[in-house]
Amino acid sequence: MPYTQFLADETATIQFGRQCATLFRAPAIVYLNGNLGAGKTTFTRGLLRGMGHTGTVKSPTYAIVESYTLPEITINHFDLYRFSTTEEWEDAGLDDLTPNSLCLIEWAQQGSDYVPAPDYIIEFTHQDNGRQCTIHAQTPNAQKELAQWQTTYSTAAN
């Protein structure tokens, strides 16, 4: 069952990312879906903060990938928006970055079948003056993790 939350502003998006830091375990593939400016990189900034990263978090739009090595986990944040062919995933050697890491992938559809299948899909849609965020678990293990996280998260929020 998906989890949905309204995020009123940038602060709420960062906070939600921090809360999701307890959800994801490597190795995992997470697609971040949404239009330009929907909050994908802002969410990633919060997630990284929740996992202990204190440095700069920038959009990987031009670099294609930004990697963050933390004591417990490596996080690779991909942005495939500028891909002109699906083969660019393979040509750039991005498969080498996916094993044993948490991979957050924006614009995954630009890589077509070359991009690994997701464990989670997080959708960001503009709503009113904020955004709606929905997490979909795509694998049995992710479904179990999301259900456990929802229980823990809803208990902690009350």
Protein backbone atom coordinates (compact mmCIF):
# COMPACT_ATOMS: atom_id res chain seq x y z
CA MET A 1 0.00 0.00 0.00
CA PRO A 2 1.48 3.41 -0.94
CA TYR A 3 2.24 6.08 1.61
CA THR A 4 1.16 9.66 0.81
CA GLN A 5 1.96 12.91 2.58
CA PHE A 6 1.34 16.56 1.77
CA LEU A 7 4.47 18.71 1.98
CA ALA A 8 3.59 22.38 2.40
CA ASP A 9 6.99 23.86 1.59
CA GLU A 10 10.74 23.29 1.27
CA THR A 11 11.17 22.87 5.03
CA ALA A 12 8.50 20.15 5.13
CA THR A 13 10.13 18.40 2.15
CA ILE A 14 13.53 18.40 3.85
CA GLN A 15 11.97 17.13 7.09
CA PHE A 16 10.18 14.34 5.23
CA GLY A 17 13.46 13.36 3.58
CA ARG A 18 15.06 13.18 7.05
CA GLN A 19 12.24 10.93 8.24
CA CYS A 20 12.69 8.65 5.23
CA ALA A 21 16.34 8.09 6.23
CA THR A 22 15.11 5.23 8.42
CA LEU A 23 13.22 3.61 5.52
CA PHE A 24 15.84 2.88 2.89
CA ARG A 25 18.52 0.20 3.19
CA ALA A 26 21.24 -0.53 0.65
CA PRO A 27 21.21 -1.97 -1.82
CA ALA A 28 18.10 -0.22 -3.12
CA ILE A 29 16.99 1.64 -6.21
CA VAL A 30 14.63 4.59 -5.67
CA TYR A 31 13.10 6.46 -8.57
CA LEU A 32 12.29 10.09 -7.81
CA ASN A 33 9.52 11.14 -10.19
CA GLY A 34 8.11 14.61 -10.68
CA ASN A 35 8.25 17.67 -12.86
CA LEU A 36 11.05 20.22 -12.71
CA GLY A 37 10.94 21.99 -9.35
CA ALA A 38 8.75 19.34 -7.72
CA GLY A 39 11.15 18.78 -4.80
CA LYS A 40 13.23 15.75 -5.80
CA THR A 41 16.62 17.25 -4.93
CA THR A 42 15.20 18.99 -1.84
CA PHE A 43 13.92 15.62 -0.62
CA THR A 44 17.35 14.11 -1.33
CA ARG A 45 19.01 16.87 0.71
CA GLY A 46 16.78 16.00 3.68
CA LEU A 47 17.39 12.27 3.24
CA LEU A 48 21.15 12.81 3.21
CA ARG A 49 20.93 15.02 6.32
CA GLY A 50 18.91 12.30 8.04
CA MET A 51 21.65 9.80 7.19
CA GLY A 52 24.36 12.01 8.65
CA HIS A 53 25.73 13.94 5.65
CA THR A 54 26.70 17.47 6.67
CA GLY A 55 28.25 18.76 3.45
CA THR A 56 26.79 20.35 0.36
CA VAL A 57 24.04 18.57 -1.56
CA LYS A 58 23.73 19.73 -5.12
CA SER A 59 21.60 18.70 -8.05
CA PRO A 60 23.33 16.18 -10.31
CA THR A 61 21.70 17.69 -13.41
CA TYR A 62 25.00 18.49 -15.13
CA ALA A 63 27.27 15.92 -13.48
CA ILE A 64 24.72 13.09 -14.02
CA VAL A 65 25.60 11.61 -10.61
CA GLU A 66 26.65 12.94 -7.21
CA SER A 67 27.97 10.32 -4.79
CA TYR A 68 28.05 10.55 -1.01
CA THR A 69 30.05 8.03 1.00
CA LEU A 70 28.87 7.87 4.60
CA PRO A 71 30.12 5.51 7.33
CA GLU A 72 27.18 3.10 6.93
CA ILE A 73 26.13 3.62 3.32
CA THR A 74 27.02 5.04 -0.08
CA ILE A 75 24.33 7.09 -1.75
CA ASN A 76 24.38 7.83 -5.47
CA HIS A 77 22.03 10.56 -6.67
CA PHE A 78 21.47 10.37 -10.43
CA ASP A 79 19.74 12.85 -12.72
CA LEU A 80 19.14 11.51 -16.22
CA TYR A 81 17.19 14.54 -17.46
CA ARG A 82 19.84 15.49 -20.02
CA PHE A 83 20.21 12.02 -21.52
CA SER A 84 19.62 12.19 -25.25
CA THR A 85 19.79 8.41 -25.77
CA THR A 86 18.97 5.56 -23.42
CA GLU A 87 22.40 4.02 -24.01
CA GLU A 88 24.06 6.88 -22.13
CA TRP A 89 23.48 4.96 -18.87
CA GLU A 90 25.65 2.13 -20.12
CA ASP A 91 28.11 4.41 -21.94
CA ALA A 92 28.74 6.35 -18.72
CA GLY A 93 29.41 3.15 -16.76
CA LEU A 94 26.66 3.93 -14.25
CA ASP A 95 25.98 0.23 -13.57
CA ASP A 96 29.26 0.22 -11.65
CA LEU A 97 27.72 2.57 -9.05
CA THR A 98 24.59 0.60 -8.23
CA PRO A 99 25.75 -2.50 -6.28
CA ASN A 100 25.61 -2.20 -2.49
CA SER A 101 24.48 1.43 -2.55
CA LEU A 102 21.31 3.44 -2.24
CA CYS A 103 20.60 4.88 -5.67
CA LEU A 104 18.22 7.80 -6.05
CA ILE A 105 17.38 8.27 -9.72
CA GLU A 106 15.63 11.31 -11.17
CA TRP A 107 14.20 11.01 -14.69
CA ALA A 108 14.81 7.23 -14.76
CA GLN A 109 12.64 6.89 -17.88
CA GLN A 110 15.40 8.66 -19.84
CA GLY A 111 17.56 5.56 -19.35
CA SER A 112 14.80 3.14 -20.36
CA ASP A 113 15.67 -0.54 -19.86
CA TYR A 114 19.30 0.23 -18.99
CA VAL A 115 18.32 1.65 -15.60
CA PRO A 116 17.85 -0.97 -12.85
CA ALA A 117 14.27 -1.68 -11.80
CA PRO A 118 13.14 0.27 -8.72
CA ASP A 119 12.55 -1.00 -5.24
CA TYR A 120 10.64 2.23 -4.54
CA ILE A 121 9.09 4.96 -6.64
CA ILE A 122 8.55 8.32 -4.97
CA GLU A 123 6.22 10.65 -6.85
CA PHE A 124 6.18 14.39 -6.27
CA THR A 125 3.24 16.35 -7.68
CA HIS A 126 2.44 20.01 -7.24
CA GLN A 127 -0.68 20.52 -5.15
CA ASP A 128 -2.04 23.85 -3.98
CA ASN A 129 1.02 25.80 -2.76
CA GLY A 130 2.97 22.67 -1.85
CA ARG A 131 3.44 19.16 -3.15
CA GLN A 132 1.97 15.74 -2.65
CA CYS A 133 4.54 13.00 -2.09
CA THR A 134 3.64 9.34 -2.57
CA ILE A 135 5.97 6.40 -1.89
CA HIS A 136 5.22 3.19 -3.81
CA ALA A 137 7.02 -0.03 -2.85
CA GLN A 138 7.73 -2.12 -5.94
CA THR A 139 9.21 -5.33 -4.50
CA PRO A 140 8.00 -7.68 -1.74
CA ASN A 141 10.92 -6.65 0.50
CA ALA A 142 10.24 -2.95 -0.10
CA GLN A 143 6.55 -3.48 0.65
CA LYS A 144 7.47 -5.07 3.98
CA GLU A 145 9.93 -2.27 4.81
CA LEU A 146 7.42 0.44 3.88
CA ALA A 147 4.69 -1.16 6.02
CA GLN A 148 7.07 -1.36 9.01
CA TRP A 149 8.25 2.21 8.45
CA GLN A 150 4.66 3.51 8.23
CA THR A 151 3.85 1.87 11.56
CA THR A 152 6.97 3.27 13.23
CA TYR A 153 6.63 6.68 11.58
CA SER A 154 2.93 7.10 12.46
CA THR A 155 3.63 6.04 16.07
CA ALA A 156 6.53 8.49 16.36
CA ALA A 157 4.49 11.31 14.80
CA ASN A 158 1.73 10.97 17.44
